[in-house]
C-alpha atoms as a PDB file:
ATOM      1  CA  MET A   1     115.375 -15.477 -46.988  1.00  0.00           C
ATOM      2  CA  PHE A   2     113.989 -18.904 -47.942  1.00  0.00           C
ATOM      3  CA  VAL A   3     113.983 -20.716 -51.238  1.00  0.00           C
ATOM      4  CA  LEU A   4     110.710 -22.368 -52.224  1.00  0.00           C
ATOM      5  CA  ASN A   5     111.003 -25.724 -50.506  1.00  0.00           C
ATOM      6  CA  ASN A   6     109.514 -27.998 -47.931  1.00  0.00           C
ATOM      7  CA  TYR A   7     111.757 -29.107 -45.105  1.00  0.00           C
ATOM      8  CA  ARG A   8     111.768 -32.219 -42.910  1.00  0.00           C
ATOM      9  CA  LEU A   9     113.482 -32.518 -39.542  1.00  0.00           C
ATOM     10  CA  PRO A  10     116.061 -35.322 -39.683  1.00  0.00           C
ATOM     11  CA  GLU A  11     116.247 -37.758 -36.760  1.00  0.00           C
ATOM     12  CA  HIS A  12     119.740 -36.648 -35.696  1.00  0.00           C
ATOM     13  CA  LEU A  13     118.541 -33.049 -35.249  1.00  0.00           C
ATOM     14  CA  ARG A  14     115.621 -33.805 -32.906  1.00  0.00           C
ATOM     15  CA  LYS A  15     117.772 -33.256 -29.807  1.00  0.00           C
ATOM     16  CA  GLU A  16     118.182 -29.599 -30.825  1.00  0.00           C
ATOM     17  CA  PHE A  17     114.449 -29.088 -30.241  1.00  0.00           C
ATOM     18  CA  LYS A  18     114.592 -30.341 -26.673  1.00  0.00           C
ATOM     19  CA  ILE A  19     116.646 -27.235 -25.840  1.00  0.00           C
ATOM     20  CA  ALA A  20     114.876 -24.119 -24.576  1.00  0.00           C
ATOM     21  CA  TYR A  21     115.955 -21.188 -26.767  1.00  0.00           C
ATOM     22  CA  GLY A  22     115.075 -18.677 -24.085  1.00  0.00           C
ATOM     23  CA  GLU A  23     113.774 -18.612 -20.528  1.00  0.00           C
ATOM     24  CA  ILE A  24     111.251 -21.172 -19.267  1.00  0.00           C
ATOM     25  CA  TYR A  25     108.166 -19.834 -17.461  1.00  0.00           C
ATOM     26  CA  SER A  26     105.362 -21.723 -15.754  1.00  0.00           C
ATOM     27  CA  SER A  27     102.719 -19.016 -16.226  1.00  0.00           C
ATOM     28  CA  VAL A  28     102.039 -15.935 -18.327  1.00  0.00           C
ATOM     29  CA  VAL A  29     101.497 -13.929 -15.118  1.00  0.00           C
ATOM     30  CA  ASN A  30     105.150 -14.535 -14.168  1.00  0.00           C
ATOM     31  CA  ALA A  31     106.295 -13.297 -17.599  1.00  0.00           C
ATOM     32  CA  LYS A  32     103.898 -10.373 -18.000  1.00  0.00           C
ATOM     33  CA  LYS A  33     106.521  -7.717 -17.280  1.00  0.00           C
ATOM     34  CA  GLU A  34     108.718  -9.140 -20.086  1.00  0.00           C
ATOM     35  CA  LEU A  35     105.754  -9.038 -22.490  1.00  0.00           C
ATOM     36  CA  GLU A  36     104.524  -5.492 -21.920  1.00  0.00           C
ATOM     37  CA  ASN A  37     104.748  -3.255 -24.998  1.00  0.00           C
ATOM     38  CA  LYS A  38     106.390  -6.001 -27.056  1.00  0.00           C
ATOM     39  CA  THR A  39     105.401  -7.685 -30.289  1.00  0.00           C
ATOM     40  CA  ILE A  40     104.354 -11.186 -29.201  1.00  0.00           C
ATOM     41  CA  ILE A  41     104.149 -14.274 -31.391  1.00  0.00           C
ATOM     42  CA  CYS A  42     102.746 -17.491 -29.901  1.00  0.00           C
ATOM     43  CA  VAL A  43     103.472 -20.936 -31.300  1.00  0.00           C
ATOM     44  CA  GLY A  44     101.178 -23.550 -29.798  1.00  0.00           C
ATOM     45  CA  ASP A  45      97.615 -23.934 -28.584  1.00  0.00           C
ATOM     46  CA  ARG A  46      98.104 -23.722 -24.821  1.00  0.00           C
ATOM     47  CA  ILE A  47     100.479 -20.759 -24.843  1.00  0.00           C
ATOM     48  CA  SER A  48      98.278 -18.882 -27.325  1.00  0.00           C
ATOM     49  CA  PHE A  49      95.244 -19.533 -25.118  1.00  0.00           C
ATOM     50  CA  ASN A  50      97.065 -18.508 -21.934  1.00  0.00           C
ATOM     51  CA  VAL A  51      98.358 -15.274 -23.483  1.00  0.00           C
ATOM     52  CA  LEU A  52      94.916 -14.360 -24.847  1.00  0.00           C
ATOM     53  CA  SER A  53      93.269 -15.254 -21.519  1.00  0.00           C
ATOM     54  CA  SER A  54      95.689 -12.944 -19.707  1.00  0.00           C
ATOM     55  CA  GLY A  55      94.413 -10.010 -21.766  1.00  0.00           C
ATOM     56  CA  LEU A  56      97.450  -9.652 -24.017  1.00  0.00           C
ATOM     57  CA  LYS A  57      97.019  -9.309 -27.780  1.00  0.00           C
ATOM     58  CA  PRO A  58      99.698 -11.222 -29.687  1.00  0.00           C
ATOM     59  CA  LYS A  59     100.534 -10.174 -33.234  1.00  0.00           C
ATOM     60  CA  ILE A  60     100.459 -13.802 -34.375  1.00  0.00           C
ATOM     61  CA  ILE A  61      99.144 -17.047 -32.913  1.00  0.00           C
ATOM     62  CA  ILE A  62      99.944 -20.367 -34.554  1.00  0.00           C
ATOM     63  CA  PHE A  63      98.032 -23.443 -33.461  1.00  0.00           C
ATOM     64  CA  ASP A  64      96.947 -26.888 -34.632  1.00  0.00           C
ATOM     65  CA  LYS A  65      93.995 -27.620 -32.315  1.00  0.00           C
ATOM     66  CA  LYS A  66      96.060 -30.299 -30.571  1.00  0.00           C
ATOM     67  CA  GLU A  67      98.064 -30.600 -27.388  1.00  0.00           C
ATOM     68  CA  GLN A  68     100.511 -33.457 -27.142  1.00  0.00           C
ATOM     69  CA  ARG A  69      98.868 -34.933 -30.244  1.00  0.00           C
ATOM     70  CA  LYS A  70      95.402 -35.056 -28.653  1.00  0.00           C
ATOM     71  CA  PRO A  71      92.523 -32.701 -29.571  1.00  0.00           C
ATOM     72  CA  THR A  72      92.637 -29.432 -27.665  1.00  0.00           C
ATOM     73  CA  ASP A  73      89.880 -28.771 -25.164  1.00  0.00           C
ATOM     74  CA  LEU A  74      86.822 -27.166 -26.775  1.00  0.00           C
ATOM     75  CA  LYS A  75      87.118 -24.021 -24.614  1.00  0.00           C
ATOM     76  CA  ILE A  76      90.709 -23.475 -25.770  1.00  0.00           C
ATOM     77  CA  ARG A  77      89.828 -24.096 -29.424  1.00  0.00           C
ATOM     78  CA  ASN A  78      86.953 -21.640 -29.203  1.00  0.00           C
ATOM     79  CA  VAL A  79      89.187 -18.860 -27.808  1.00  0.00           C
ATOM     80  CA  LEU A  80      91.817 -19.463 -30.492  1.00  0.00           C
ATOM     81  CA  GLU A  81      89.390 -19.724 -33.383  1.00  0.00           C
ATOM     82  CA  THR A  82      87.457 -16.596 -32.391  1.00  0.00           C
ATOM     83  CA  TYR A  83      90.527 -14.399 -31.850  1.00  0.00           C
ATOM     84  CA  GLU A  84      89.956 -11.372 -34.091  1.00  0.00           C
ATOM     85  CA  GLY A  85      92.312 -11.048 -36.987  1.00  0.00           C
ATOM     86  CA  LYS A  86      93.278 -12.357 -40.377  1.00  0.00           C
ATOM     87  CA  THR A  87      93.277 -16.154 -40.606  1.00  0.00           C
ATOM     88  CA  PHE A  88      95.535 -18.360 -42.673  1.00  0.00           C
ATOM     89  CA  TYR A  89      94.903 -22.094 -43.018  1.00  0.00           C
ATOM     90  CA  VAL A  90      97.979 -24.177 -43.816  1.00  0.00           C
ATOM     91  CA  ASN A  91      99.016 -27.792 -44.100  1.00  0.00           C
ATOM     92  CA  ASN A  92     102.164 -28.735 -42.247  1.00  0.00           C
ATOM     93  CA  PRO A  93     102.810 -32.407 -41.438  1.00  0.00           C
ATOM     94  CA  PRO A  94     104.575 -33.399 -38.197  1.00  0.00           C
ATOM     95  CA  SER A  95     108.366 -32.865 -38.297  1.00  0.00           C
ATOM     96  CA  HIS A  96     108.050 -30.586 -41.346  1.00  0.00           C
ATOM     97  CA  ILE A  97     108.168 -26.940 -42.276  1.00  0.00           C
ATOM     98  CA  THR A  98     106.182 -26.481 -45.474  1.00  0.00           C
ATOM     99  CA  GLN A  99     106.436 -23.623 -47.895  1.00  0.00           C
ATOM    100  CA  GLU A 100     102.758 -23.015 -47.122  1.00  0.00           C
ATOM    101  CA  LEU A 101     103.623 -22.392 -43.450  1.00  0.00           C
ATOM    102  CA  ILE A 102     106.598 -20.194 -44.346  1.00  0.00           C
ATOM    103  CA  ASP A 103     104.452 -18.084 -46.683  1.00  0.00           C
ATOM    104  CA  ALA A 104     101.730 -17.679 -44.029  1.00  0.00           C
ATOM    105  CA  VAL A 105     104.320 -16.573 -41.446  1.00  0.00           C
ATOM    106  CA  LYS A 106     105.736 -14.007 -43.878  1.00  0.00           C
ATOM    107  CA  LYS A 107     102.261 -12.656 -44.663  1.00  0.00           C
ATOM    108  CA  ALA A 108     101.358 -12.558 -40.960  1.00  0.00           C
ATOM    109  CA  PHE A 109     104.336 -10.313 -40.214  1.00  0.00           C
ATOM    110  CA  LEU A 110     103.321  -7.979 -43.047  1.00  0.00           C
ATOM    111  CA  ASN A 111      99.762  -7.758 -41.741  1.00  0.00           C
ATOM    112  CA  VAL A 112      99.038  -4.757 -39.518  1.00  0.00           C
ATOM    113  CA  LYS A 113      96.234  -6.514 -37.640  1.00  0.00           C
ATOM    114  CA  PRO A 114      96.624  -9.605 -35.450  1.00  0.00           C
ATOM    115  CA  THR A 115      96.884 -12.849 -37.390  1.00  0.00           C
ATOM    116  CA  LYS A 116      96.183 -16.467 -36.624  1.00  0.00           C
ATOM    117  CA  ILE A 117      97.627 -19.391 -38.494  1.00  0.00           C
ATOM    118  CA  MET A 118      95.591 -22.573 -38.145  1.00  0.00           C
ATOM    119  CA  VAL A 119      97.704 -25.581 -38.983  1.00  0.00           C
ATOM    120  CA  GLU A 120      96.420 -28.871 -40.265  1.00  0.00           C
ATOM    121  CA  GLY A 121      99.127 -31.229 -39.067  1.00  0.00           C
ATOM    122  CA  GLU A 122     101.587 -29.841 -36.538  1.00  0.00           C
ATOM    123  CA  GLU A 123     102.864 -26.356 -35.689  1.00  0.00           C
ATOM    124  CA  ASP A 124     105.793 -27.260 -33.413  1.00  0.00           C
ATOM    125  CA  LEU A 125     108.577 -26.304 -35.822  1.00  0.00           C
ATOM    126  CA  ALA A 126     106.955 -22.994 -36.802  1.00  0.00           C
ATOM    127  CA  PHE A 127     109.348 -21.467 -34.280  1.00  0.00           C
ATOM    128  CA  LEU A 128     112.096 -21.451 -36.951  1.00  0.00           C
ATOM    129  CA  PRO A 129     110.372 -19.440 -39.700  1.00  0.00           C
ATOM    130  CA  VAL A 130     108.825 -17.185 -37.038  1.00  0.00           C
ATOM    131  CA  VAL A 131     112.226 -16.252 -35.604  1.00  0.00           C
ATOM    132  CA  LEU A 132     113.685 -15.780 -39.083  1.00  0.00           C
ATOM    133  CA  GLU A 133     110.886 -13.367 -40.050  1.00  0.00           C
ATOM    134  CA  ALA A 134     110.577 -11.574 -36.689  1.00  0.00           C
ATOM    135  CA  GLU A 135     112.141  -8.228 -35.908  1.00  0.00           C
ATOM    136  CA  ILE A 136     114.975  -7.946 -33.409  1.00  0.00           C
ATOM    137  CA  GLY A 137     113.343  -7.485 -29.986  1.00  0.00           C
ATOM    138  CA  ASP A 138     110.129  -9.376 -30.821  1.00  0.00           C
ATOM    139  CA  ILE A 139     109.069 -12.014 -28.302  1.00  0.00           C
ATOM    140  CA  VAL A 140     108.329 -15.574 -29.406  1.00  0.00           C
ATOM    141  CA  LEU A 141     106.539 -17.857 -26.954  1.00  0.00           C
ATOM    142  CA  TYR A 142     106.237 -21.591 -27.446  1.00  0.00           C
ATOM    143  CA  GLY A 143     105.165 -24.530 -25.319  1.00  0.00           C
ATOM    144  CA  PHE A 144     107.891 -26.581 -23.726  1.00  0.00           C
ATOM    145  CA  PHE A 145     106.724 -30.088 -22.891  1.00  0.00           C
ATOM    146  CA  ASP A 146     105.275 -30.274 -19.355  1.00  0.00           C
ATOM    147  CA  LYS A 147     107.524 -27.491 -18.064  1.00  0.00           C
ATOM    148  CA  GLY A 148     105.437 -24.524 -19.263  1.00  0.00           C
ATOM    149  CA  PHE A 149     106.598 -22.302 -22.088  1.00  0.00           C
ATOM    150  CA  VAL A 150     109.720 -20.641 -23.412  1.00  0.00           C
ATOM    151  CA  LEU A 151     109.978 -16.870 -23.746  1.00  0.00           C
ATOM    152  CA  THR A 152     112.465 -16.043 -26.485  1.00  0.00           C
ATOM    153  CA  LYS A 153     113.673 -12.561 -27.300  1.00  0.00           C
ATOM    154  CA  VAL A 154     114.640 -12.454 -30.946  1.00  0.00           C
ATOM    155  CA  ASP A 155     118.191 -11.284 -31.536  1.00  0.00           C
ATOM    156  CA  ASN A 156     120.825 -11.785 -34.227  1.00  0.00           C
ATOM    157  CA  ASN A 157     122.340 -14.817 -32.463  1.00  0.00           C
ATOM    158  CA  LEU A 158     118.968 -16.579 -32.351  1.00  0.00           C
ATOM    159  CA  LYS A 159     118.299 -15.754 -36.010  1.00  0.00           C
ATOM    160  CA  LYS A 160     121.716 -17.188 -36.900  1.00  0.00           C
ATOM    161  CA  LYS A 161     121.032 -20.352 -34.868  1.00  0.00           C
ATOM    162  CA  CYS A 162     117.607 -20.855 -36.500  1.00  0.00           C
ATOM    163  CA  LYS A 163     119.066 -20.351 -39.973  1.00  0.00           C
ATOM    164  CA  GLU A 164     121.788 -22.883 -39.142  1.00  0.00           C
ATOM    165  CA  LEU A 165     119.223 -25.405 -37.857  1.00  0.00           C
ATOM    166  CA  LEU A 166     117.028 -24.999 -40.923  1.00  0.00           C
ATOM    167  CA  SER A 167     120.042 -25.521 -43.194  1.00  0.00           C
ATOM    168  CA  LYS A 168     120.442 -28.993 -41.643  1.00  0.00           C
ATOM    169  CA  PHE A 169     116.857 -30.050 -42.470  1.00  0.00           C
ATOM    170  CA  GLU A 170     116.195 -32.405 -45.368  1.00  0.00           C
ATOM    171  CA  VAL A 171     115.048 -30.368 -48.373  1.00  0.00           C
ATOM    172  CA  LEU A 172     112.083 -32.017 -50.103  1.00  0.00           C
ATOM    173  CA  GLY A 173     111.433 -29.516 -52.902  1.00  0.00           C
ATOM    174  CA  SER A 174     108.167 -27.694 -53.444  1.00  0.00           C
END
């Protein structure tokens, strides 16, 4: 699906990431019915922590030990770091999607057990490769500024939109 490249978000495309690609929720409790018996992927520290704290077991959590560019609270970091499952460590600078991140996402989906991807840099744009690798019907959750989080049900239209967005990124080569 991807060629071996690193991608950088161009300035003119930033507005596209201020759009919620799904429904905004203020708490996991309010979304629990939507999450039951679904494959859940969490992108972000707070949403991963909140989902784990609610007793749900996401297939994949992706986090960078930061919230709004400040270190995540120690309690949150501890819950994320001790979540049982395979761990991938990747580098992914802010406003980028590295091949390293893409490869980890692909491997995480192939893994039967839960997986965590710990990002050195920033995980915000991991939403794109996650949606592109996810199965139709999977649920992707990601933080949405101070509004809570977005619950996205993966479908063909969303995959098409994510592919289109990624095609507009600057390609940096591997």
